[in-house]
Protein backbone atom coordinates (compact mmCIF):
# COMPACT_ATOMS: atom_id res chain seq x y z
CA MET A 1 72.27 106.74 98.68
CA LYS A 2 68.94 108.23 99.60
CA PRO A 3 68.59 111.94 99.34
CA VAL A 4 67.97 112.01 103.33
CA LYS A 5 71.15 110.27 103.88
CA GLN A 6 73.05 112.14 101.02
CA HIS A 7 71.94 115.18 103.17
CA LEU A 8 72.91 113.80 106.57
CA TRP A 9 76.63 113.07 104.91
CA SER A 10 76.71 116.33 103.47
CA ILE A 11 76.10 118.31 107.05
CA THR A 12 77.58 115.95 109.25
CA VAL A 13 80.42 113.77 108.17
CA GLY A 14 81.69 115.26 104.70
CA PRO A 15 82.92 118.81 105.75
CA LEU A 16 84.51 117.24 108.92
CA LEU A 17 86.44 114.50 106.82
CA SER A 18 87.18 117.43 104.15
CA GLN A 19 88.71 119.81 106.81
CA THR A 20 90.43 117.00 108.52
CA PHE A 21 92.16 115.12 105.31
CA ARG A 22 93.24 116.44 102.19
CA SER A 23 91.72 115.10 99.31
CA VAL A 24 94.43 113.34 97.09
CA LYS A 25 93.63 112.78 93.49
CA LEU A 26 95.51 110.39 91.29
CA LYS A 27 96.07 110.96 87.92
CA ALA A 28 94.31 109.10 85.21
CA SER A 29 95.99 106.20 83.73
CA SER A 30 96.29 106.28 79.73
CA SER A 31 93.84 104.10 77.85
CA LYS A 32 97.26 102.71 76.17
CA PRO A 33 98.76 99.67 77.90
CA PRO A 34 102.16 100.02 78.77
CA PRO A 35 104.96 98.88 76.12
CA PRO A 36 105.93 95.09 76.70
CA GLN A 37 109.55 94.96 78.31
CA GLN A 38 112.34 93.42 76.68
CA GLN A 39 113.94 90.62 78.63
CA GLN A 40 117.67 90.62 79.00
CA PRO A 41 118.99 87.02 77.94
CA SER A 42 120.44 85.49 80.97
CA SER A 43 120.76 81.96 82.32
CA SER A 44 118.25 82.50 85.30
CA SER A 45 115.69 84.40 82.70
CA SER A 46 114.68 81.18 80.86
CA LEU A 47 113.68 79.21 84.52
CA PRO A 48 110.46 80.01 85.92
CA ARG A 49 110.23 81.57 89.27
CA SER A 50 108.91 79.91 91.98
CA ARG A 51 105.79 80.74 93.86
CA LYS A 52 107.76 81.57 96.86
CA THR A 53 109.98 83.87 95.12
CA ARG A 54 106.82 85.44 93.67
CA ALA A 55 105.03 85.86 96.84
CA LYS A 56 108.08 87.35 98.37
CA SER A 57 108.77 89.87 95.67
CA SER A 58 104.84 90.85 95.61
CA SER A 59 104.93 91.38 99.50
CA ASN A 60 107.71 94.25 99.14
CA SER A 61 105.38 95.88 96.47
CA LYS A 62 103.14 98.88 97.31
CA SER A 63 100.29 96.89 96.65
CA ARG A 64 101.10 95.24 100.16
CA SER A 65 101.26 98.20 102.27
CA TRP A 66 98.73 98.70 105.32
CA SER A 67 95.83 101.29 105.15
CA VAL A 68 93.80 102.21 107.69
CA TYR A 69 90.07 102.74 106.50
CA LEU A 70 86.73 104.38 107.78
CA ILE A 71 83.18 102.91 106.77
CA LEU A 72 79.87 104.46 107.03
CA SER A 73 76.62 102.20 107.25
CA THR A 74 74.16 103.35 104.84
CA ASN A 75 71.48 102.59 107.24
CA HIS A 76 69.64 104.77 110.17
CA PRO A 77 71.33 105.65 112.68
CA ILE A 78 74.65 105.75 110.76
CA LYS A 79 77.21 103.98 112.07
CA THR A 80 81.22 104.00 111.57
CA TYR A 81 83.90 101.42 111.64
CA VAL A 82 87.62 102.11 111.59
CA GLY A 83 89.79 99.03 110.69
CA VAL A 84 93.01 97.91 109.10
CA THR A 85 93.82 95.99 105.88
CA THR A 86 96.15 95.19 102.95
CA ASN A 87 93.26 94.84 100.43
CA PHE A 88 90.36 97.02 100.94
CA SER A 89 88.05 96.31 97.97
CA ARG A 90 88.12 92.68 99.53
CA ARG A 91 87.88 93.84 103.11
CA LEU A 92 84.66 95.91 102.31
CA LYS A 93 82.92 93.17 100.83
CA GLN A 94 83.51 91.02 103.99
CA HIS A 95 82.09 93.75 105.92
CA ASN A 96 78.98 93.75 103.37
CA GLY A 97 78.37 89.82 103.80
CA LYS A 98 79.67 89.12 100.31
CA LEU A 99 82.86 87.32 101.39
CA LYS A 100 83.43 85.32 104.76
CA GLY A 101 85.69 87.10 107.06
CA GLY A 102 83.81 90.25 108.14
CA ALA A 103 83.94 91.89 111.76
CA LYS A 104 80.83 90.83 113.76
CA ALA A 105 80.63 94.46 114.95
CA SER A 106 79.96 95.44 111.42
CA ARG A 107 77.38 93.10 110.99
CA ALA A 108 74.27 95.35 112.01
CA GLY A 109 75.46 98.51 109.61
CA ARG A 110 75.34 96.72 106.27
CA PRO A 111 75.50 97.88 103.67
CA TRP A 112 78.71 99.69 104.13
CA ILE A 113 80.19 102.46 101.92
CA CYS A 114 84.07 104.03 102.28
CA ALA A 115 84.44 107.31 103.87
CA CYS A 116 88.31 107.67 103.80
CA ILE A 117 91.44 105.35 103.29
CA ILE A 118 94.59 106.16 104.96
CA ARG A 119 97.59 104.27 102.92
CA GLY A 120 100.97 103.64 102.90
CA PHE A 121 101.67 102.11 106.54
CA ASN A 122 104.99 100.11 106.20
CA ASP A 123 103.62 97.05 108.56
CA ARG A 124 100.68 96.03 110.46
CA SER A 125 101.91 97.45 113.62
CA GLU A 126 102.40 100.92 112.66
CA ALA A 127 98.70 100.77 110.95
CA CYS A 128 97.16 99.37 114.34
CA LYS A 129 98.73 102.36 116.25
CA PHE A 130 97.15 104.67 114.08
CA GLU A 131 94.01 102.78 114.26
CA SER A 132 93.84 102.64 117.96
CA LYS A 133 94.97 106.64 117.78
CA TRP A 134 91.94 107.00 115.90
CA LYS A 135 89.50 105.19 117.92
CA SER A 136 90.38 106.92 121.39
CA PHE A 137 90.08 110.30 119.42
CA SER A 138 86.80 109.65 118.16
CA ARG A 139 86.01 108.30 121.30
CA LYS A 140 86.85 111.49 123.56
CA PHE A 141 85.02 113.85 121.09
CA PRO A 142 81.66 112.11 120.09
CA ARG A 143 79.53 113.10 117.14
CA LYS A 144 76.38 115.15 117.56
CA ARG A 145 73.13 112.94 116.73
CA ILE A 146 70.83 115.01 114.67
CA ASP A 147 67.40 114.04 114.54
CA ASP A 148 65.20 113.46 111.43
CA ASP A 149 63.20 116.75 112.26
CA GLN A 150 66.43 118.90 111.98
CA MET A 151 67.15 117.40 108.36
CA LYS A 152 63.67 118.68 107.25
């Protein structure tokens, strides 16, 4: 990010996000890999699991929880985009044109950076309801534009 863009971020979006959303820092994982788990002998442990079984068990894990995210364009004028996904890193690559599938609305703002991710929605419906409320709230309270002259 260029210094001017950093300054714009620090005086507009940064404080608003900091006041609105508490920061949660995750504990750093240890550099040692976890010890291998001992398999208990059973008749089913010797059989490989099917793809369907693996997909079903992974869909129940936390990694499949839905997230709502806010991304910012790094070009002037700064734009925002709010969306939902189960895989934010893949979705950001799509928005930035590195993978197929990004929204047409986000093409003009490339490249995009992450401003906020809210994780833990149980299903797409729950995430979409939150996304809708967020978008309607931001339309009711539009952001003030800062001219380049004010930033100097």
